PDB file of all heavy atoms in Angstrom:
ATOM      1  N   THR A   1      -3.869  11.021  -4.215  1.00  0.00           N
ATOM      2  CA  THR A   1      -2.507  10.517  -4.061  1.00  0.00           C
ATOM      3  C   THR A   1      -1.931   9.983  -5.361  1.00  0.00           C
ATOM      4  O   THR A   1      -0.926   9.289  -5.347  1.00  0.00           O
ATOM      5  CB  THR A   1      -2.478   9.424  -2.982  1.00  0.00           C
ATOM      6  OG1 THR A   1      -3.430   8.419  -3.329  1.00  0.00           O
ATOM      7  CG2 THR A   1      -2.791   9.990  -1.618  1.00  0.00           C
ATOM      8  N   GLY A   2      -2.547  10.287  -6.489  1.00  0.00           N
ATOM      9  CA  GLY A   2      -2.018   9.830  -7.767  1.00  0.00           C
ATOM     10  C   GLY A   2      -2.483   8.424  -8.098  1.00  0.00           C
ATOM     11  O   GLY A   2      -3.403   7.901  -7.492  1.00  0.00           O
ATOM     12  N   PRO A   3      -1.833   7.804  -9.086  1.00  0.00           N
ATOM     13  CA  PRO A   3      -2.278   6.474  -9.533  1.00  0.00           C
ATOM     14  C   PRO A   3      -1.820   5.366  -8.586  1.00  0.00           C
ATOM     15  O   PRO A   3      -0.983   4.556  -8.917  1.00  0.00           O
ATOM     16  CB  PRO A   3      -1.638   6.334 -10.911  1.00  0.00           C
ATOM     17  CG  PRO A   3      -0.408   7.161 -10.814  1.00  0.00           C
ATOM     18  CD  PRO A   3      -0.745   8.309  -9.896  1.00  0.00           C
ATOM     19  N   SER A   4      -2.373   5.377  -7.403  1.00  0.00           N
ATOM     20  CA  SER A   4      -2.042   4.351  -6.420  1.00  0.00           C
ATOM     21  C   SER A   4      -3.340   3.780  -5.867  1.00  0.00           C
ATOM     22  O   SER A   4      -4.404   4.385  -6.021  1.00  0.00           O
ATOM     23  CB  SER A   4      -1.215   4.955  -5.286  1.00  0.00           C
ATOM     24  OG  SER A   4      -2.014   5.803  -4.501  1.00  0.00           O
ATOM     25  N   PRO A   5      -3.272   2.644  -5.231  1.00  0.00           N
ATOM     26  CA  PRO A   5      -4.497   2.061  -4.658  1.00  0.00           C
ATOM     27  C   PRO A   5      -5.193   2.993  -3.666  1.00  0.00           C
ATOM     28  O   PRO A   5      -6.396   2.940  -3.493  1.00  0.00           O
ATOM     29  CB  PRO A   5      -3.997   0.800  -3.949  1.00  0.00           C
ATOM     30  CG  PRO A   5      -2.725   0.445  -4.635  1.00  0.00           C
ATOM     31  CD  PRO A   5      -2.119   1.755  -5.062  1.00  0.00           C
ATOM     32  N   ARG A   6      -4.441   3.864  -3.018  1.00  0.00           N
ATOM     33  CA  ARG A   6      -5.007   4.770  -2.016  1.00  0.00           C
ATOM     34  C   ARG A   6      -5.756   5.948  -2.654  1.00  0.00           C
ATOM     35  O   ARG A   6      -6.526   6.628  -1.985  1.00  0.00           O
ATOM     36  CB  ARG A   6      -3.876   5.271  -1.127  1.00  0.00           C
ATOM     37  CG  ARG A   6      -4.354   6.132  -0.021  1.00  0.00           C
ATOM     38  CD  ARG A   6      -3.458   6.005   1.195  1.00  0.00           C
ATOM     39  NE  ARG A   6      -3.725   7.085   2.125  1.00  0.00           N
ATOM     40  CZ  ARG A   6      -4.840   7.195   2.843  1.00  0.00           C
ATOM     41  NH1 ARG A   6      -5.779   6.293   2.753  1.00  0.00           N
ATOM     42  NH2 ARG A   6      -5.012   8.198   3.670  1.00  0.00           N
ATOM     43  N   ASP A   7      -5.533   6.205  -3.923  1.00  0.00           N
ATOM     44  CA  ASP A   7      -6.196   7.327  -4.585  1.00  0.00           C
ATOM     45  C   ASP A   7      -7.651   6.971  -4.852  1.00  0.00           C
ATOM     46  O   ASP A   7      -7.960   6.179  -5.732  1.00  0.00           O
ATOM     47  CB  ASP A   7      -5.499   7.665  -5.897  1.00  0.00           C
ATOM     48  CG  ASP A   7      -6.158   8.843  -6.607  1.00  0.00           C
ATOM     49  OD1 ASP A   7      -6.917   9.586  -5.965  1.00  0.00           O
ATOM     50  OD2 ASP A   7      -5.924   9.005  -7.808  1.00  0.00           O
ATOM     51  N   VAL A   8      -8.551   7.564  -4.077  1.00  0.00           N
ATOM     52  CA  VAL A   8      -9.978   7.262  -4.199  1.00  0.00           C
ATOM     53  C   VAL A   8     -10.801   8.499  -4.562  1.00  0.00           C
ATOM     54  O   VAL A   8     -12.024   8.444  -4.587  1.00  0.00           O
ATOM     55  CB  VAL A   8     -10.517   6.640  -2.891  1.00  0.00           C
ATOM     56  CG1 VAL A   8      -9.884   5.275  -2.629  1.00  0.00           C
ATOM     57  CG2 VAL A   8     -10.302   7.575  -1.711  1.00  0.00           C
ATOM     58  N   THR A   9     -10.116   9.613  -4.851  1.00  0.00           N
ATOM     59  CA  THR A   9     -10.834  10.854  -5.150  1.00  0.00           C
ATOM     60  C   THR A   9     -11.789  10.703  -6.331  1.00  0.00           C
ATOM     61  O   THR A   9     -12.956  11.098  -6.232  1.00  0.00           O
ATOM     62  CB  THR A   9      -9.846  12.013  -5.365  1.00  0.00           C
ATOM     63  OG1 THR A   9      -9.038  12.157  -4.194  1.00  0.00           O
ATOM     64  CG2 THR A   9     -10.574  13.316  -5.634  1.00  0.00           C
ATOM     65  N   PRO A  10     -11.359  10.138  -7.462  1.00  0.00           N
ATOM     66  CA  PRO A  10     -12.295  10.007  -8.590  1.00  0.00           C
ATOM     67  C   PRO A  10     -13.515   9.146  -8.260  1.00  0.00           C
ATOM     68  O   PRO A  10     -14.644   9.489  -8.616  1.00  0.00           O
ATOM     69  CB  PRO A  10     -11.458   9.366  -9.700  1.00  0.00           C
ATOM     70  CG  PRO A  10     -10.048   9.730  -9.362  1.00  0.00           C
ATOM     71  CD  PRO A  10     -10.000   9.731  -7.857  1.00  0.00           C
ATOM     72  N   GLU A  11     -13.299   8.029  -7.560  1.00  0.00           N
ATOM     73  CA  GLU A  11     -14.420   7.150  -7.222  1.00  0.00           C
ATOM     74  C   GLU A  11     -15.372   7.818  -6.232  1.00  0.00           C
ATOM     75  O   GLU A  11     -16.597   7.704  -6.354  1.00  0.00           O
ATOM     76  CB  GLU A  11     -13.897   5.827  -6.647  1.00  0.00           C
ATOM     77  CG  GLU A  11     -13.190   4.952  -7.660  1.00  0.00           C
ATOM     78  CD  GLU A  11     -11.740   5.337  -7.935  1.00  0.00           C
ATOM     79  OE1 GLU A  11     -11.195   6.213  -7.239  1.00  0.00           O
ATOM     80  OE2 GLU A  11     -11.152   4.759  -8.861  1.00  0.00           O
ATOM     81  N   ALA A  12     -14.811   8.516  -5.246  1.00  0.00           N
ATOM     82  CA  ALA A  12     -15.649   9.218  -4.267  1.00  0.00           C
ATOM     83  C   ALA A  12     -16.466  10.309  -4.939  1.00  0.00           C
ATOM     84  O   ALA A  12     -17.628  10.530  -4.599  1.00  0.00           O
ATOM     85  CB  ALA A  12     -14.780   9.805  -3.160  1.00  0.00           C
ATOM     86  N   THR A  13     -15.870  10.987  -5.886  1.00  0.00           N
ATOM     87  CA  THR A  13     -16.562  12.052  -6.616  1.00  0.00           C
ATOM     88  C   THR A  13     -17.695  11.478  -7.460  1.00  0.00           C
ATOM     89  O   THR A  13     -18.820  11.985  -7.439  1.00  0.00           O
ATOM     90  CB  THR A  13     -15.566  12.819  -7.513  1.00  0.00           C
ATOM     91  OG1 THR A  13     -14.502  13.339  -6.701  1.00  0.00           O
ATOM     92  CG2 THR A  13     -16.248  13.962  -8.235  1.00  0.00           C
ATOM     93  N   GLU A  14     -17.402  10.416  -8.194  1.00  0.00           N
ATOM     94  CA  GLU A  14     -18.426   9.796  -9.047  1.00  0.00           C
ATOM     95  C   GLU A  14     -19.610   9.272  -8.248  1.00  0.00           C
ATOM     96  O   GLU A  14     -20.743   9.297  -8.735  1.00  0.00           O
ATOM     97  CB  GLU A  14     -17.810   8.659  -9.871  1.00  0.00           C
ATOM     98  CG  GLU A  14     -16.921   9.155 -10.984  1.00  0.00           C
ATOM     99  CD  GLU A  14     -16.292   8.035 -11.783  1.00  0.00           C
ATOM    100  OE1 GLU A  14     -16.609   6.850 -11.524  1.00  0.00           O
ATOM    101  OE2 GLU A  14     -15.488   8.344 -12.669  1.00  0.00           O
ATOM    102  N   GLU A  15     -19.362   8.799  -7.030  1.00  0.00           N
ATOM    103  CA  GLU A  15     -20.436   8.257  -6.183  1.00  0.00           C
ATOM    104  C   GLU A  15     -21.546   9.267  -5.919  1.00  0.00           C
ATOM    105  O   GLU A  15     -22.696   8.897  -5.756  1.00  0.00           O
ATOM    106  CB  GLU A  15     -19.874   7.791  -4.836  1.00  0.00           C
ATOM    107  CG  GLU A  15     -19.481   6.360  -4.797  1.00  0.00           C
ATOM    108  CD  GLU A  15     -19.105   5.918  -3.389  1.00  0.00           C
ATOM    109  OE1 GLU A  15     -19.370   6.640  -2.411  1.00  0.00           O
ATOM    110  OE2 GLU A  15     -18.534   4.829  -3.284  1.00  0.00           O
ATOM    111  N   VAL A  16     -21.194  10.530  -5.835  1.00  0.00           N
ATOM    112  CA  VAL A  16     -22.175  11.541  -5.435  1.00  0.00           C
ATOM    113  C   VAL A  16     -22.565  12.497  -6.562  1.00  0.00           C
ATOM    114  O   VAL A  16     -23.368  13.401  -6.344  1.00  0.00           O
ATOM    115  CB  VAL A  16     -21.669  12.343  -4.207  1.00  0.00           C
ATOM    116  CG1 VAL A  16     -21.490  11.421  -3.017  1.00  0.00           C
ATOM    117  CG2 VAL A  16     -20.389  13.082  -4.519  1.00  0.00           C
ATOM    118  N   CYS A  17     -22.039  12.282  -7.754  1.00  0.00           N
ATOM    119  CA  CYS A  17     -22.342  13.176  -8.877  1.00  0.00           C
ATOM    120  C   CYS A  17     -23.672  12.839  -9.540  1.00  0.00           C
ATOM    121  O   CYS A  17     -24.004  11.670  -9.715  1.00  0.00           O
ATOM    122  CB  CYS A  17     -21.253  13.084  -9.944  1.00  0.00           C
ATOM    123  SG  CYS A  17     -19.800  13.997  -9.517  1.00  0.00           S
ATOM    124  N   GLU A  18     -24.402  13.862  -9.885  1.00  0.00           N
ATOM    125  CA  GLU A  18     -25.599  13.686 -10.695  1.00  0.00           C
ATOM    126  C   GLU A  18     -25.259  13.773 -12.169  1.00  0.00           C
ATOM    127  O   GLU A  18     -25.948  13.212 -13.004  1.00  0.00           O
ATOM    128  CB  GLU A  18     -26.634  14.759 -10.343  1.00  0.00           C
ATOM    129  CG  GLU A  18     -27.228  14.583  -8.963  1.00  0.00           C
ATOM    130  CD  GLU A  18     -28.239  15.658  -8.628  1.00  0.00           C
ATOM    131  OE1 GLU A  18     -28.698  16.375  -9.537  1.00  0.00           O
ATOM    132  OE2 GLU A  18     -28.575  15.775  -7.442  1.00  0.00           O
ATOM    133  N   LYS A  19     -24.209  14.505 -12.489  1.00  0.00           N
ATOM    134  CA  LYS A  19     -23.819  14.665 -13.890  1.00  0.00           C
ATOM    135  C   LYS A  19     -22.300  14.702 -13.999  1.00  0.00           C
ATOM    136  O   LYS A  19     -21.641  15.470 -13.330  1.00  0.00           O
ATOM    137  CB  LYS A  19     -24.395  15.963 -14.452  1.00  0.00           C
ATOM    138  CG  LYS A  19     -24.143  16.115 -15.936  1.00  0.00           C
ATOM    139  CD  LYS A  19     -24.932  17.260 -16.515  1.00  0.00           C
ATOM    140  CE  LYS A  19     -26.384  16.895 -16.492  1.00  0.00           C
ATOM    141  NZ  LYS A  19     -27.098  17.043 -17.707  1.00  0.00           N
ATOM    142  N   ILE A  20     -21.763  13.845 -14.855  1.00  0.00           N
ATOM    143  CA  ILE A  20     -20.337  13.802 -15.148  1.00  0.00           C
ATOM    144  C   ILE A  20     -20.145  14.478 -16.505  1.00  0.00           C
ATOM    145  O   ILE A  20     -20.958  14.300 -17.415  1.00  0.00           O
ATOM    146  CB  ILE A  20     -19.834  12.340 -15.223  1.00  0.00           C
ATOM    147  CG1 ILE A  20     -20.127  11.587 -13.927  1.00  0.00           C
ATOM    148  CG2 ILE A  20     -18.360  12.285 -15.581  1.00  0.00           C
ATOM    149  CD1 ILE A  20     -19.238  11.912 -12.768  1.00  0.00           C
ATOM    150  N   LEU A  21     -19.073  15.239 -16.651  1.00  0.00           N
ATOM    151  CA  LEU A  21     -18.780  15.894 -17.925  1.00  0.00           C
ATOM    152  C   LEU A  21     -17.769  15.048 -18.696  1.00  0.00           C
ATOM    153  O   LEU A  21     -16.561  15.196 -18.517  1.00  0.00           O
ATOM    154  CB  LEU A  21     -18.222  17.299 -17.690  1.00  0.00           C
ATOM    155  CG  LEU A  21     -19.136  18.258 -16.950  1.00  0.00           C
ATOM    156  CD1 LEU A  21     -18.413  19.564 -16.669  1.00  0.00           C
ATOM    157  CD2 LEU A  21     -20.394  18.518 -17.755  1.00  0.00           C
ATOM    158  N   PRO A  22     -18.237  14.142 -19.557  1.00  0.00           N
ATOM    159  CA  PRO A  22     -17.315  13.277 -20.298  1.00  0.00           C
ATOM    160  C   PRO A  22     -16.345  14.100 -21.136  1.00  0.00           C
ATOM    161  O   PRO A  22     -16.723  15.081 -21.757  1.00  0.00           O
ATOM    162  CB  PRO A  22     -18.239  12.449 -21.200  1.00  0.00           C
ATOM    163  CG  PRO A  22     -19.583  12.541 -20.574  1.00  0.00           C
ATOM    164  CD  PRO A  22     -19.632  13.888 -19.900  1.00  0.00           C
ATOM    165  N   GLY A  23     -15.094  13.702 -21.124  1.00  0.00           N
ATOM    166  CA  GLY A  23     -14.081  14.365 -21.937  1.00  0.00           C
ATOM    167  C   GLY A  23     -13.389  15.531 -21.247  1.00  0.00           C
ATOM    168  O   GLY A  23     -12.337  15.978 -21.684  1.00  0.00           O
ATOM    169  N   PHE A  24     -13.979  16.042 -20.179  1.00  0.00           N
ATOM    170  CA  PHE A  24     -13.404  17.199 -19.500  1.00  0.00           C
ATOM    171  C   PHE A  24     -12.026  16.864 -18.925  1.00  0.00           C
ATOM    172  O   PHE A  24     -11.070  17.627 -19.090  1.00  0.00           O
ATOM    173  CB  PHE A  24     -14.351  17.671 -18.403  1.00  0.00           C
ATOM    174  CG  PHE A  24     -14.024  19.035 -17.875  1.00  0.00           C
ATOM    175  CD1 PHE A  24     -14.368  20.167 -18.585  1.00  0.00           C
ATOM    176  CD2 PHE A  24     -13.382  19.179 -16.660  1.00  0.00           C
ATOM    177  CE1 PHE A  24     -14.071  21.425 -18.095  1.00  0.00           C
ATOM    178  CE2 PHE A  24     -13.080  20.425 -16.157  1.00  0.00           C
ATOM    179  CZ  PHE A  24     -13.425  21.553 -16.886  1.00  0.00           C
ATOM    180  N   GLY A  25     -11.905  15.733 -18.255  1.00  0.00           N
ATOM    181  CA  GLY A  25     -10.619  15.322 -17.690  1.00  0.00           C
ATOM    182  C   GLY A  25      -9.565  15.094 -18.754  1.00  0.00           C
ATOM    183  O   GLY A  25      -8.404  15.470 -18.589  1.00  0.00           O
ATOM    184  N   GLU A  26      -9.970  14.508 -19.870  1.00  0.00           N
ATOM    185  CA  GLU A  26      -9.029  14.262 -20.957  1.00  0.00           C
ATOM    186  C   GLU A  26      -8.499  15.575 -21.530  1.00  0.00           C
ATOM    187  O   GLU A  26      -7.320  15.712 -21.826  1.00  0.00           O
ATOM    188  CB  GLU A  26      -9.680  13.427 -22.066  1.00  0.00           C
ATOM    189  CG  GLU A  26      -9.879  11.966 -21.698  1.00  0.00           C
ATOM    190  CD  GLU A  26     -11.048  11.724 -20.749  1.00  0.00           C
ATOM    191  OE1 GLU A  26     -11.855  12.648 -20.528  1.00  0.00           O
ATOM    192  OE2 GLU A  26     -11.137  10.617 -20.206  1.00  0.00           O
ATOM    193  N   LYS A  27      -9.366  16.544 -21.671  1.00  0.00           N
ATOM    194  CA  LYS A  27      -8.944  17.850 -22.184  1.00  0.00           C
ATOM    195  C   LYS A  27      -7.968  18.520 -21.210  1.00  0.00           C
ATOM    196  O   LYS A  27      -6.949  19.083 -21.627  1.00  0.00           O
ATOM    197  CB  LYS A  27     -10.166  18.748 -22.421  1.00  0.00           C
ATOM    198  CG  LYS A  27      -9.818  20.103 -22.952  1.00  0.00           C
ATOM    199  CD  LYS A  27      -9.150  20.023 -24.306  1.00  0.00           C
ATOM    200  CE  LYS A  27      -8.906  21.408 -24.865  1.00  0.00           C
ATOM    201  NZ  LYS A  27      -8.138  21.384 -26.099  1.00  0.00           N
ATOM    202  N   MET A  28      -8.266  18.455 -19.930  1.00  0.00           N
ATOM    203  CA  MET A  28      -7.371  19.053 -18.937  1.00  0.00           C
ATOM    204  C   MET A  28      -5.999  18.374 -18.965  1.00  0.00           C
ATOM    205  O   MET A  28      -4.966  19.041 -18.896  1.00  0.00           O
ATOM    206  CB  MET A  28      -7.975  18.954 -17.530  1.00  0.00           C
ATOM    207  CG  MET A  28      -9.158  19.861 -17.347  1.00  0.00           C
ATOM    208  SD  MET A  28      -9.919  19.921 -15.698  1.00  0.00           S
ATOM    209  CE  MET A  28      -9.167  18.694 -14.735  1.00  0.00           C
ATOM    210  N   ARG A  29      -5.980  17.040 -19.081  1.00  0.00           N
ATOM    211  CA  ARG A  29      -4.704  16.329 -19.150  1.00  0.00           C
ATOM    212  C   ARG A  29      -3.944  16.684 -20.418  1.00  0.00           C
ATOM    213  O   ARG A  29      -2.729  16.849 -20.396  1.00  0.00           O
ATOM    214  CB  ARG A  29      -4.922  14.820 -19.057  1.00  0.00           C
ATOM    215  CG  ARG A  29      -5.156  14.340 -17.636  1.00  0.00           C
ATOM    216  CD  ARG A  29      -5.233  12.830 -17.545  1.00  0.00           C
ATOM    217  NE  ARG A  29      -6.489  12.325 -18.075  1.00  0.00           N
ATOM    218  CZ  ARG A  29      -7.631  12.314 -17.398  1.00  0.00           C
ATOM    219  NH1 ARG A  29      -7.678  12.776 -16.171  1.00  0.00           N
ATOM    220  NH2 ARG A  29      -8.734  11.839 -17.941  1.00  0.00           N
ATOM    221  N   ALA A  30      -4.640  16.829 -21.540  1.00  0.00           N
ATOM    222  CA  ALA A  30      -3.985  17.175 -22.806  1.00  0.00           C
ATOM    223  C   ALA A  30      -3.290  18.528 -22.709  1.00  0.00           C
ATOM    224  O   ALA A  30      -2.152  18.693 -23.153  1.00  0.00           O
ATOM    225  CB  ALA A  30      -5.000  17.174 -23.943  1.00  0.00           C
ATOM    226  N   VAL A  31      -3.960  19.496 -22.118  1.00  0.00           N
ATOM    227  CA  VAL A  31      -3.352  20.820 -21.943  1.00  0.00           C
ATOM    228  C   VAL A  31      -2.175  20.731 -20.973  1.00  0.00           C
ATOM    229  O   VAL A  31      -1.105  21.294 -21.205  1.00  0.00           O
ATOM    230  CB  VAL A  31      -4.401  21.844 -21.452  1.00  0.00           C
ATOM    231  CG1 VAL A  31      -3.742  23.146 -21.048  1.00  0.00           C
ATOM    232  CG2 VAL A  31      -5.451  22.084 -22.526  1.00  0.00           C
ATOM    233  N   SER A  32      -2.348  19.980 -19.887  1.00  0.00           N
ATOM    234  CA  SER A  32      -1.287  19.844 -18.877  1.00  0.00           C
ATOM    235  C   SER A  32      -0.044  19.183 -19.444  1.00  0.00           C
ATOM    236  O   SER A  32       1.079  19.470 -19.002  1.00  0.00           O
ATOM    237  CB  SER A  32      -1.791  19.044 -17.680  1.00  0.00           C
ATOM    238  OG  SER A  32      -2.809  19.742 -17.020  1.00  0.00           O
ATOM    239  N   LEU A  33      -0.216  18.296 -20.419  1.00  0.00           N
ATOM    240  CA  LEU A  33       0.933  17.599 -21.005  1.00  0.00           C
ATOM    241  C   LEU A  33       1.932  18.556 -21.644  1.00  0.00           C
ATOM    242  O   LEU A  33       3.111  18.227 -21.761  1.00  0.00           O
ATOM    243  CB  LEU A  33       0.461  16.577 -22.048  1.00  0.00           C
ATOM    244  CG  LEU A  33       0.081  15.209 -21.502  1.00  0.00           C
ATOM    245  CD1 LEU A  33      -0.535  14.352 -22.591  1.00  0.00           C
ATOM    246  CD2 LEU A  33       1.290  14.515 -20.894  1.00  0.00           C
ATOM    247  N   THR A  34       1.487  19.722 -22.053  1.00  0.00           N
ATOM    248  CA  THR A  34       2.420  20.689 -22.636  1.00  0.00           C
ATOM    249  C   THR A  34       3.340  21.284 -21.565  1.00  0.00           C
ATOM    250  O   THR A  34       4.368  21.866 -21.896  1.00  0.00           O
ATOM    251  CB  THR A  34       1.677  21.829 -23.367  1.00  0.00           C
ATOM    252  OG1 THR A  34       0.874  22.553 -22.429  1.00  0.00           O
ATOM    253  CG2 THR A  34       0.796  21.286 -24.477  1.00  0.00           C
ATOM    254  N   TYR A  35       2.978  21.132 -20.302  1.00  0.00           N
ATOM    255  CA  TYR A  35       3.768  21.682 -19.196  1.00  0.00           C
ATOM    256  C   TYR A  35       4.410  20.610 -18.330  1.00  0.00           C
ATOM    257  O   TYR A  35       5.495  20.810 -17.805  1.00  0.00           O
ATOM    258  CB  TYR A  35       2.883  22.561 -18.291  1.00  0.00           C
ATOM    259  CG  TYR A  35       2.213  23.690 -19.024  1.00  0.00           C
ATOM    260  CD1 TYR A  35       0.889  23.577 -19.424  1.00  0.00           C
ATOM    261  CD2 TYR A  35       2.901  24.861 -19.324  1.00  0.00           C
ATOM    262  CE1 TYR A  35       0.262  24.607 -20.108  1.00  0.00           C
ATOM    263  CE2 TYR A  35       2.287  25.893 -20.011  1.00  0.00           C
ATOM    264  CZ  TYR A  35       0.971  25.757 -20.404  1.00  0.00           C
ATOM    265  OH  TYR A  35       0.368  26.783 -21.076  1.00  0.00           O
ATOM    266  N   VAL A  36       3.703  19.503 -18.155  1.00  0.00           N
ATOM    267  CA  VAL A  36       4.159  18.453 -17.228  1.00  0.00           C
ATOM    268  C   VAL A  36       4.086  17.103 -17.948  1.00  0.00           C
ATOM    269  O   VAL A  36       2.996  16.625 -18.280  1.00  0.00           O
ATOM    270  CB  VAL A  36       3.246  18.406 -15.969  1.00  0.00           C
ATOM    271  CG1 VAL A  36       3.731  17.352 -15.001  1.00  0.00           C
ATOM    272  CG2 VAL A  36       3.186  19.762 -15.302  1.00  0.00           C
ATOM    273  N   PRO A  37       5.239  16.473 -18.212  1.00  0.00           N
ATOM    274  CA  PRO A  37       5.224  15.219 -18.957  1.00  0.00           C
ATOM    275  C   PRO A  37       4.482  14.066 -18.276  1.00  0.00           C
ATOM    276  O   PRO A  37       4.037  13.137 -18.945  1.00  0.00           O
ATOM    277  CB  PRO A  37       6.704  14.860 -19.121  1.00  0.00           C
ATOM    278  CG  PRO A  37       7.483  15.879 -18.386  1.00  0.00           C
ATOM    279  CD  PRO A  37       6.564  16.916 -17.867  1.00  0.00           C
ATOM    280  N   THR A  38       4.315  14.119 -16.976  1.00  0.00           N
ATOM    281  CA  THR A  38       3.625  13.044 -16.268  1.00  0.00           C
ATOM    282  C   THR A  38       2.140  13.330 -16.072  1.00  0.00           C
ATOM    283  O   THR A  38       1.457  12.588 -15.373  1.00  0.00           O
ATOM    284  CB  THR A  38       4.282  12.805 -14.884  1.00  0.00           C
ATOM    285  OG1 THR A  38       4.265  14.034 -14.147  1.00  0.00           O
ATOM    286  CG2 THR A  38       5.707  12.298 -15.026  1.00  0.00           C
TER     287      THR A  38
END
């Protein structure tokens, strides 16, 4: 649900992950910024 208190997707995902790919989300956001300012 975006940056709201109800948005729990990242926390739920991290709870069950054995391996997180650091920097992957930042790279995806950087590319997305060229298309979507938010």
